[in-house]
């Protein structure tokens, strides 16, 4: 009898424990719902969580002050540059833009390095973008100083690879939302947005649609690699398109309508383009003659303003990553003059050149370059054209020592320009 009573009591206690546990769980869930649906309580809890120590509280206050006070942010930027580049020569260009000169040693031998670092929240009147040597056509080359004369350039480095004979950029180039050239071997590119940067290997996702058919476009304003490719040539390519490939044809399109077909070069209309490719793919478009060109990239960067390609990667997701073979860039190995661009976790932009092929500066390998870009805080960085092309321009002069004095004629550059519209509006507001 006593045993039975004890068993019943034990069962009753377990039941009470279970009910209490369920009550606590339900109570916690209800409390969480009350807190997170109440914006004031939720914010208090979030701030309490982030202010558990004096250090966290000070950090939070500092971040708020940096956002509210341009002067404080400028001061912090100045201090961070001095701390990051000890012993370097640091030159003020404009507020938020620093020119840094330093020498690194590899196996006891020197490499002369020039950098430009930009805090775009301090340098709010600075625009970052690629720039063609001639905005009207791709087949052009000029020195960086001559490019700078036409624009209000604060600083610049040479840009992406190009075909030496013509100056046509080799790889993805977008300026102000317009694709001038498509990718080569899906090489890595940097995307420039209003609020920061990104790097990724780029593919073209483009097509011509009309007469009930959709034709894949393989590239834009690039040399033909295969006769089976469909290419588009815009007015920036030049006055005429190339000959169509064997068993191919070209279609002249003006204002969305096919106006001429031929295997011979066609004049490229200012308000259109020329499609060139296999006849069996393009001839069906002649049925209705109305066509639409759609150009996208993969990844499809939303709201990207500019894209400049290079290769290989140097830093990817904060880690050194050099994929030279994957991007078919075996010819640029070894120790050479180098040009690179990258960005930090707080979206500071870095432009960098290293001189080479001389006793006073021996150049860098791609791995040395990648490790250097990571060491100065880059979480994303890419290699640009180098060798004889490597050149940096700051405030009216070439600041490095390229092999050819003043630098060779370039197809394109990566530049910092002063936004005159912003300056004008600031003046009006005063």
Protein backbone atom coordinates (compact mmCIF):
# COMPACT_ATOMS: atom_id res chain seq x y z
CA UNK A 1 0.00 0.00 0.00
CA UNK A 2 2.81 2.41 0.93
CA UNK A 3 4.64 1.51 -2.28
CA UNK A 4 1.56 2.35 -4.37
CA UNK A 5 1.18 5.72 -2.66
CA UNK A 6 4.86 6.52 -3.29
CA UNK A 7 4.53 5.66 -6.98
CA UNK A 8 1.47 7.87 -7.32
CA UNK A 9 3.25 10.73 -5.56
CA UNK A 10 6.29 10.35 -7.87
CA UNK A 11 4.03 10.43 -10.95
CA UNK A 12 2.25 13.51 -9.61
CA UNK A 13 5.56 15.34 -9.01
CA UNK A 14 6.76 14.56 -12.55
CA UNK A 15 3.47 15.86 -13.95
CA UNK A 16 3.82 19.09 -11.95
CA UNK A 17 7.46 19.48 -13.21
CA UNK A 18 6.37 19.02 -16.81
CA UNK A 19 3.55 21.56 -16.43
CA UNK A 20 5.96 24.10 -14.91
CA UNK A 21 8.44 23.56 -17.77
CA UNK A 22 5.70 24.09 -20.36
CA UNK A 23 4.54 27.24 -18.54
CA UNK A 24 8.08 28.68 -18.53
CA UNK A 25 8.58 27.96 -22.25
CA UNK A 26 5.23 29.53 -23.14
CA UNK A 27 6.05 32.51 -20.93
CA UNK A 28 9.42 33.06 -22.63
CA UNK A 29 7.90 32.84 -26.11
CA UNK A 30 5.17 35.33 -25.16
CA UNK A 31 7.75 37.68 -23.64
CA UNK A 32 9.87 37.51 -26.80
CA UNK A 33 6.83 38.31 -28.95
CA UNK A 34 5.97 41.27 -26.74
CA UNK A 35 9.54 42.58 -26.91
CA UNK A 36 10.19 42.13 -30.62
CA UNK A 37 6.80 43.51 -31.68
CA UNK A 38 7.39 46.58 -29.52
CA UNK A 39 9.98 48.72 -31.32
CA UNK A 40 10.94 50.66 -28.18
CA UNK A 41 11.55 47.54 -26.08
CA UNK A 42 13.33 45.80 -28.96
CA UNK A 43 15.67 48.74 -29.48
CA UNK A 44 16.37 48.96 -25.72
CA UNK A 45 17.19 45.26 -25.64
CA UNK A 46 19.45 45.53 -28.74
CA UNK A 47 21.30 48.50 -27.25
CA UNK A 48 21.59 46.72 -23.90
CA UNK A 49 23.08 43.68 -25.63
CA UNK A 50 25.66 45.81 -27.47
CA UNK A 51 26.49 47.87 -24.41
CA UNK A 52 27.38 45.06 -21.99
CA UNK A 53 30.85 46.55 -21.66
CA UNK A 54 32.18 50.11 -21.62
CA UNK A 55 34.22 49.31 -24.76
CA UNK A 56 31.09 48.29 -26.73
CA UNK A 57 29.27 51.42 -25.62
CA UNK A 58 32.16 53.64 -26.65
CA UNK A 59 32.41 51.88 -30.02
CA UNK A 60 28.72 52.42 -30.68
CA UNK A 61 28.95 56.10 -29.75
CA UNK A 62 32.03 56.50 -31.94
CA UNK A 63 30.26 54.97 -34.94
CA UNK A 64 27.29 57.30 -34.47
CA UNK A 65 29.57 60.31 -34.14
CA UNK A 66 31.52 59.31 -37.26
CA UNK A 67 28.29 59.20 -39.26
CA UNK A 68 27.13 62.55 -37.91
CA UNK A 69 30.43 64.47 -37.98
CA UNK A 70 32.37 64.74 -41.27
CA UNK A 71 35.24 66.47 -39.43
CA UNK A 72 35.55 63.62 -36.95
CA UNK A 73 35.47 61.07 -39.75
CA UNK A 74 38.19 62.98 -41.61
CA UNK A 75 40.30 63.02 -38.44
CA UNK A 76 39.83 59.27 -37.96
CA UNK A 77 40.74 58.63 -41.61
CA UNK A 78 43.92 60.70 -41.24
CA UNK A 79 44.88 58.81 -38.09
CA UNK A 80 44.15 55.40 -39.61
CA UNK A 81 46.34 56.11 -42.67
CA UNK A 82 49.27 57.14 -40.44
CA UNK A 83 48.86 53.97 -38.39
CA UNK A 84 48.47 51.72 -41.44
CA UNK A 85 51.54 52.98 -43.32
CA UNK A 86 54.25 53.63 -40.70
CA UNK A 87 57.37 55.18 -42.18
CA UNK A 88 55.68 55.93 -45.53
CA UNK A 89 55.50 59.32 -47.18
CA UNK A 90 51.85 60.43 -46.94
CA UNK A 91 50.60 63.28 -49.11
CA UNK A 92 47.18 64.95 -48.80
CA UNK A 93 45.48 65.09 -52.20
CA UNK A 94 42.03 66.36 -51.17
CA UNK A 95 39.94 65.64 -48.06
CA UNK A 96 39.49 61.87 -47.86
CA UNK A 97 42.16 61.09 -50.49
CA UNK A 98 45.75 60.22 -49.55
CA UNK A 99 48.75 59.49 -51.78
CA UNK A 100 51.15 57.08 -50.05
CA UNK A 101 54.72 56.35 -51.19
CA UNK A 102 56.68 53.48 -49.67
CA UNK A 103 59.30 50.83 -50.40
CA UNK A 104 58.91 47.12 -49.63
CA UNK A 105 61.71 44.56 -49.73
CA UNK A 106 61.46 41.05 -51.14
CA UNK A 107 64.47 38.78 -50.64
CA UNK A 108 66.40 41.89 -49.69
CA UNK A 109 65.60 43.71 -52.93
CA UNK A 110 63.43 46.88 -53.17
CA UNK A 111 60.01 47.44 -54.71
CA UNK A 112 58.84 51.04 -55.06
CA UNK A 113 55.10 51.33 -54.37
CA UNK A 114 52.62 54.18 -54.87
CA UNK A 115 49.12 54.00 -53.39
CA UNK A 116 46.03 56.14 -53.35
CA UNK A 117 43.53 55.40 -50.57
CA UNK A 118 40.10 57.00 -50.54
CA UNK A 119 37.43 57.30 -47.85
CA UNK A 120 34.44 58.12 -50.04
CA UNK A 121 32.35 59.30 -47.08
CA UNK A 122 34.93 62.01 -46.43
CA UNK A 123 35.65 62.57 -50.13
CA UNK A 124 31.96 62.96 -50.89
CA UNK A 125 32.61 65.01 -54.05
CA UNK A 126 34.78 62.31 -55.63
CA UNK A 127 33.49 59.96 -58.32
CA UNK A 128 35.14 56.61 -59.06
CA UNK A 129 34.89 55.11 -62.54
CA UNK A 130 36.66 53.60 -65.56
CA UNK A 131 37.36 56.02 -68.39
CA UNK A 132 38.06 55.38 -72.07
CA UNK A 133 40.93 57.23 -73.71
CA UNK A 134 38.34 58.48 -76.21
CA UNK A 135 34.70 58.46 -75.11
CA UNK A 136 33.51 58.29 -78.72
CA UNK A 137 35.36 55.15 -79.82
CA UNK A 138 37.08 52.07 -78.45
CA UNK A 139 39.89 51.96 -81.00
CA UNK A 140 41.98 54.68 -79.41
CA UNK A 141 45.05 55.04 -77.18
CA UNK A 142 46.39 58.06 -75.28
CA UNK A 143 48.79 58.61 -72.39
CA UNK A 144 47.30 59.01 -68.95
CA UNK A 145 48.34 62.68 -68.85
CA UNK A 146 46.49 63.36 -72.11
CA UNK A 147 43.41 61.53 -70.83
CA UNK A 148 43.57 63.66 -67.67
CA UNK A 149 43.65 66.93 -69.63
CA UNK A 150 40.08 66.38 -70.84
CA UNK A 151 38.75 65.51 -67.39
CA UNK A 152 39.06 66.95 -63.91
CA UNK A 153 41.14 63.99 -62.72
CA UNK A 154 42.28 63.89 -59.09
CA UNK A 155 44.06 60.54 -59.49
CA UNK A 156 44.19 57.65 -61.96
CA UNK A 157 45.86 54.34 -62.75
CA UNK A 158 45.92 52.38 -65.99
CA UNK A 159 42.86 50.19 -66.51
CA UNK A 160 42.07 46.81 -67.99
CA UNK A 161 43.89 44.83 -70.69
CA UNK A 162 43.58 45.99 -74.29
CA UNK A 163 44.55 44.96 -77.79
CA UNK A 164 47.81 46.84 -78.49
CA UNK A 165 47.15 47.18 -82.23
CA UNK A 166 43.78 48.89 -81.84
CA UNK A 167 43.31 49.92 -78.21
CA UNK A 168 40.04 47.98 -77.84
CA UNK A 169 39.65 46.91 -74.16
CA UNK A 170 39.81 43.14 -73.62
CA UNK A 171 37.24 42.33 -70.94
CA UNK A 172 34.11 43.74 -69.36
CA UNK A 173 33.86 47.51 -69.34
CA UNK A 174 30.71 49.35 -68.23
CA UNK A 175 30.56 53.11 -67.75
CA UNK A 176 27.45 54.83 -66.36
CA UNK A 177 25.37 51.68 -66.89
CA UNK A 178 26.39 51.19 -70.52
CA UNK A 179 28.28 48.03 -71.52
CA UNK A 180 31.07 48.99 -73.93
CA UNK A 181 32.82 45.60 -74.07
CA UNK A 182 31.93 42.13 -72.88
CA UNK A 183 33.94 39.59 -70.86
CA UNK A 184 36.95 37.60 -72.01
CA UNK A 185 37.36 34.15 -70.39
CA UNK A 186 34.88 35.25 -67.69
CA UNK A 187 37.64 37.22 -66.02
CA UNK A 188 37.18 38.89 -62.66
CA UNK A 189 35.87 42.45 -62.52
CA UNK A 190 35.11 45.11 -59.94
CA UNK A 191 31.62 46.56 -59.75
CA UNK A 192 31.28 50.14 -58.53
CA UNK A 193 28.02 51.04 -56.77
CA UNK A 194 26.79 54.21 -55.09
CA UNK A 195 27.38 52.60 -51.69
CA UNK A 196 30.44 50.42 -52.24
CA UNK A 197 32.18 47.80 -54.36
CA UNK A 198 32.10 44.11 -55.25
CA UNK A 199 34.33 41.71 -57.19
CA UNK A 200 33.30 38.63 -59.16
CA UNK A 201 34.04 36.71 -62.34
CA UNK A 202 31.69 38.09 -64.99
CA UNK A 203 29.72 36.32 -67.71
CA UNK A 204 27.55 37.93 -70.38
CA UNK A 205 23.84 37.15 -70.42
CA UNK A 206 22.65 38.87 -73.61
CA UNK A 207 20.24 38.06 -76.43
CA UNK A 208 18.56 39.38 -79.58
CA UNK A 209 14.84 38.71 -79.79
CA UNK A 210 12.53 39.11 -82.79
CA UNK A 211 10.33 37.26 -85.31
CA UNK A 212 9.43 34.77 -82.58
CA UNK A 213 13.04 33.64 -82.04
CA UNK A 214 15.64 34.43 -79.42
CA UNK A 215 19.34 34.37 -80.32
CA UNK A 216 22.08 34.23 -77.69
CA UNK A 217 24.69 37.00 -77.98
CA UNK A 218 28.17 35.74 -77.12
CA UNK A 219 29.96 39.07 -76.81
CA UNK A 220 29.93 42.82 -77.42
CA UNK A 221 32.71 44.75 -79.21
CA UNK A 222 35.26 41.98 -78.72
CA UNK A 223 37.50 40.05 -81.14
CA UNK A 224 35.83 36.97 -82.61
CA UNK A 225 37.08 33.76 -80.99
CA UNK A 226 34.83 31.26 -82.79
CA UNK A 227 32.96 31.44 -86.11
CA UNK A 228 29.87 30.14 -84.30
CA UNK A 229 29.71 33.14 -81.98
CA UNK A 230 27.12 35.90 -82.38
CA UNK A 231 28.72 39.30 -81.75
CA UNK A 232 27.26 42.79 -81.45
CA UNK A 233 29.17 45.88 -82.58
CA UNK A 234 28.04 49.29 -81.31
CA UNK A 235 29.01 52.72 -82.70
CA UNK A 236 31.94 52.88 -80.24
CA UNK A 237 33.57 49.99 -82.13
CA UNK A 238 34.13 52.21 -85.15
CA UNK A 239 32.53 53.21 -88.42
CA UNK A 240 32.17 49.68 -89.82
CA UNK A 241 31.69 46.19 -88.45
CA UNK A 242 34.17 43.43 -89.41
CA UNK A 243 33.42 40.88 -92.15
CA UNK A 244 30.92 38.22 -91.14
CA UNK A 245 32.40 34.79 -90.30
CA UNK A 246 32.43 31.94 -92.83
CA UNK A 247 28.85 30.79 -93.53
CA UNK A 248 27.73 33.88 -91.65
CA UNK A 249 25.97 37.20 -92.09
CA UNK A 250 25.68 40.61 -90.47
CA UNK A 251 22.49 42.55 -89.77
CA UNK A 252 22.39 46.33 -89.48
CA UNK A 253 19.89 47.48 -86.80
CA UNK A 254 18.73 51.09 -86.47
CA UNK A 255 16.16 52.09 -83.82
CA UNK A 256 15.22 48.44 -83.27
CA UNK A 257 14.64 47.59 -86.94
CA UNK A 258 16.85 45.52 -89.28
CA UNK A 259 17.70 47.79 -92.22
CA UNK A 260 20.35 45.77 -94.07
CA UNK A 261 21.86 42.27 -94.28
CA UNK A 262 25.25 41.35 -95.76
CA UNK A 263 28.34 39.18 -95.33
CA UNK A 264 30.50 42.26 -95.91
CA UNK A 265 31.30 44.98 -93.35
CA UNK A 266 28.31 47.20 -92.57
CA UNK A 267 28.30 50.79 -91.39
CA UNK A 268 27.25 50.92 -87.73
CA UNK A 269 24.36 53.37 -87.17
CA UNK A 270 24.62 55.92 -84.37
CA UNK A 271 21.19 54.88 -83.14
CA UNK A 272 21.78 51.13 -83.35
CA UNK A 273 24.30 48.34 -83.84
CA UNK A 274 25.37 45.49 -86.12
CA UNK A 275 24.80 41.80 -85.29
CA UNK A 276 27.28 39.35 -86.80
CA UNK A 277 27.17 35.56 -86.64
CA UNK A 278 26.17 32.27 -88.31
CA UNK A 279 23.59 32.74 -91.07
CA UNK A 280 21.43 29.88 -89.80
CA UNK A 281 20.98 31.69 -86.46
CA UNK A 282 20.44 35.24 -87.74
CA UNK A 283 18.38 34.71 -90.91
CA UNK A 284 15.15 33.90 -88.99
CA UNK A 285 15.27 37.44 -87.52
CA UNK A 286 14.64 38.85 -91.02
CA UNK A 287 11.03 37.66 -91.05
CA UNK A 288 9.57 40.64 -89.16
CA UNK A 289 12.78 42.70 -88.98
CA UNK A 290 11.90 44.14 -85.56
CA UNK A 291 14.43 43.12 -82.91
CA UNK A 292 15.26 43.89 -79.30
CA UNK A 293 18.71 43.66 -77.73
CA UNK A 294 18.81 42.69 -74.06
CA UNK A 295 22.14 42.93 -72.17
CA UNK A 296 22.72 41.62 -68.65
CA UNK A 297 25.64 40.15 -66.73
CA UNK A 298 26.08 37.18 -64.41
CA UNK A 299 26.11 37.96 -61.56
CA UNK A 300 23.37 40.47 -62.30
CA UNK A 301 24.61 43.29 -60.11
CA UNK A 302 21.61 45.44 -59.28
CA UNK A 303 22.23 49.20 -59.44
CA UNK A 304 25.85 48.80 -60.54
CA UNK A 305 27.12 52.02 -62.11
CA UNK A 306 30.47 50.94 -63.53
CA UNK A 307 32.36 47.69 -64.13
CA UNK A 308 36.05 47.24 -64.94
CA UNK A 309 37.61 43.83 -65.50
CA UNK A 310 41.14 42.67 -64.95
CA UNK A 311 42.48 39.42 -63.63
CA UNK A 312 43.37 37.40 -61.80
CA UNK A 313 41.73 37.76 -58.40
CA UNK A 314 44.13 38.89 -55.68
CA UNK A 315 41.89 38.94 -52.61
CA UNK A 316 38.49 37.26 -52.42
CA UNK A 317 36.25 37.42 -49.33
CA UNK A 318 39.17 38.70 -47.28
CA UNK A 319 41.56 35.90 -48.25
CA UNK A 320 44.43 35.72 -50.74
CA UNK A 321 43.13 34.06 -53.91
CA UNK A 322 45.12 34.04 -57.15
CA UNK A 323 43.42 32.08 -59.96
CA UNK A 324 45.82 32.89 -62.78
CA UNK A 325 45.39 29.56 -64.66
CA UNK A 326 41.58 29.58 -64.45
CA UNK A 327 41.46 33.00 -66.10
CA UNK A 328 44.03 32.08 -68.79
CA UNK A 329 46.59 34.60 -67.57
CA UNK A 330 49.70 32.44 -67.51
CA UNK A 331 51.60 34.96 -69.63
CA UNK A 332 51.57 37.61 -66.87
CA UNK A 333 53.36 35.54 -64.21
CA UNK A 334 56.80 36.27 -62.85
CA UNK A 335 58.09 39.50 -61.36
CA UNK A 336 56.75 42.58 -63.15
CA UNK A 337 55.43 46.12 -62.70
CA UNK A 338 51.92 45.74 -61.27
CA UNK A 339 48.66 47.67 -60.99
CA UNK A 340 45.86 46.66 -58.63
CA UNK A 341 42.63 48.01 -57.17
CA UNK A 342 40.82 46.87 -54.04
CA UNK A 343 38.54 47.89 -51.20
CA UNK A 344 38.43 47.49 -47.42
CA UNK A 345 35.67 46.27 -45.08
CA UNK A 346 34.49 49.87 -44.56
CA UNK A 347 34.56 50.45 -48.35
CA UNK A 348 37.68 52.55 -48.58
CA UNK A 349 39.04 52.30 -52.12
CA UNK A 350 42.71 51.54 -52.81
CA UNK A 351 44.60 52.11 -56.08
CA UNK A 352 48.13 50.68 -56.18
CA UNK A 353 51.10 50.48 -58.56
CA UNK A 354 54.50 48.82 -58.10
CA UNK A 355 57.42 49.72 -60.37
CA UNK A 356 59.61 46.96 -61.76
CA UNK A 357 62.22 45.74 -64.23
CA UNK A 358 64.95 47.95 -62.76
CA UNK A 359 67.55 47.67 -60.00
CA UNK A 360 65.87 50.25 -57.75
CA UNK A 361 62.50 48.48 -58.03
CA UNK A 362 62.28 44.83 -59.10
CA UNK A 363 58.49 44.49 -59.40
CA UNK A 364 56.23 41.95 -57.71
CA UNK A 365 54.90 38.46 -58.32
CA UNK A 366 51.13 38.06 -58.25
CA UNK A 367 51.33 36.25 -54.90
CA UNK A 368 53.41 39.07 -53.42
CA UNK A 369 50.91 41.57 -54.78
CA UNK A 370 47.96 39.60 -53.35
CA UNK A 371 49.57 39.31 -49.92
CA UNK A 372 50.39 43.02 -49.94
CA UNK A 373 46.80 44.02 -50.83
CA UNK A 374 45.48 41.83 -48.00
CA UNK A 375 48.05 43.28 -45.57
CA UNK A 376 46.69 46.81 -46.12
CA UNK A 377 43.13 45.73 -45.35
CA UNK A 378 41.61 44.75 -48.70
CA UNK A 379 38.75 42.25 -48.50
CA UNK A 380 38.38 42.32 -52.30
CA UNK A 381 41.11 43.12 -54.84
CA UNK A 382 41.93 42.43 -58.48
CA UNK A 383 44.97 42.75 -60.71
CA UNK A 384 44.76 45.17 -63.64
CA UNK A 385 46.94 45.41 -66.73
CA UNK A 386 50.60 45.71 -65.71
CA UNK A 387 54.09 45.61 -67.18
CA UNK A 388 54.66 48.53 -69.53
CA UNK A 389 51.11 49.79 -68.89
CA UNK A 390 51.60 50.36 -65.15
CA UNK A 391 51.24 54.06 -64.35
CA UNK A 392 49.76 56.27 -61.62
CA UNK A 393 48.71 59.90 -62.00
CA UNK A 394 48.01 62.18 -59.01
CA UNK A 395 47.19 65.90 -59.04
CA UNK A 396 48.60 66.77 -62.43
CA UNK A 397 51.60 64.47 -62.71
CA UNK A 398 52.75 60.87 -63.12
CA UNK A 399 54.03 59.89 -59.67
CA UNK A 400 55.62 56.49 -60.35
CA UNK A 401 58.44 55.64 -62.75
CA UNK A 402 57.03 53.67 -65.69
CA UNK A 403 59.44 52.16 -68.19
CA UNK A 404 58.42 54.74 -70.79
CA UNK A 405 58.58 58.23 -69.29
CA UNK A 406 55.03 59.43 -68.65
CA UNK A 407 53.63 55.99 -69.45
CA UNK A 408 52.65 54.35 -72.74
CA UNK A 409 49.42 55.30 -74.60
CA UNK A 410 46.52 53.50 -72.88
CA UNK A 411 43.13 52.25 -73.99
CA UNK A 412 41.42 53.09 -70.69
CA UNK A 413 42.06 54.16 -67.11
CA UNK A 414 40.54 53.81 -63.65
CA UNK A 415 40.06 57.32 -62.29
CA UNK A 416 38.95 59.58 -59.47
CA UNK A 417 37.19 62.70 -60.69
CA UNK A 418 35.72 65.66 -58.88
CA UNK A 419 31.94 65.72 -59.00
CA UNK A 420 31.30 69.30 -60.12
CA UNK A 421 27.51 68.92 -59.73
CA UNK A 422 27.89 68.07 -56.04
CA UNK A 423 30.24 71.00 -55.48
CA UNK A 424 27.80 73.38 -57.21
CA UNK A 425 24.88 72.15 -55.10
CA UNK A 426 26.98 72.49 -51.91
CA UNK A 427 27.83 76.07 -52.86
CA UNK A 428 24.15 76.86 -53.45
CA UNK A 429 23.16 75.38 -50.10
CA UNK A 430 25.61 77.69 -48.34
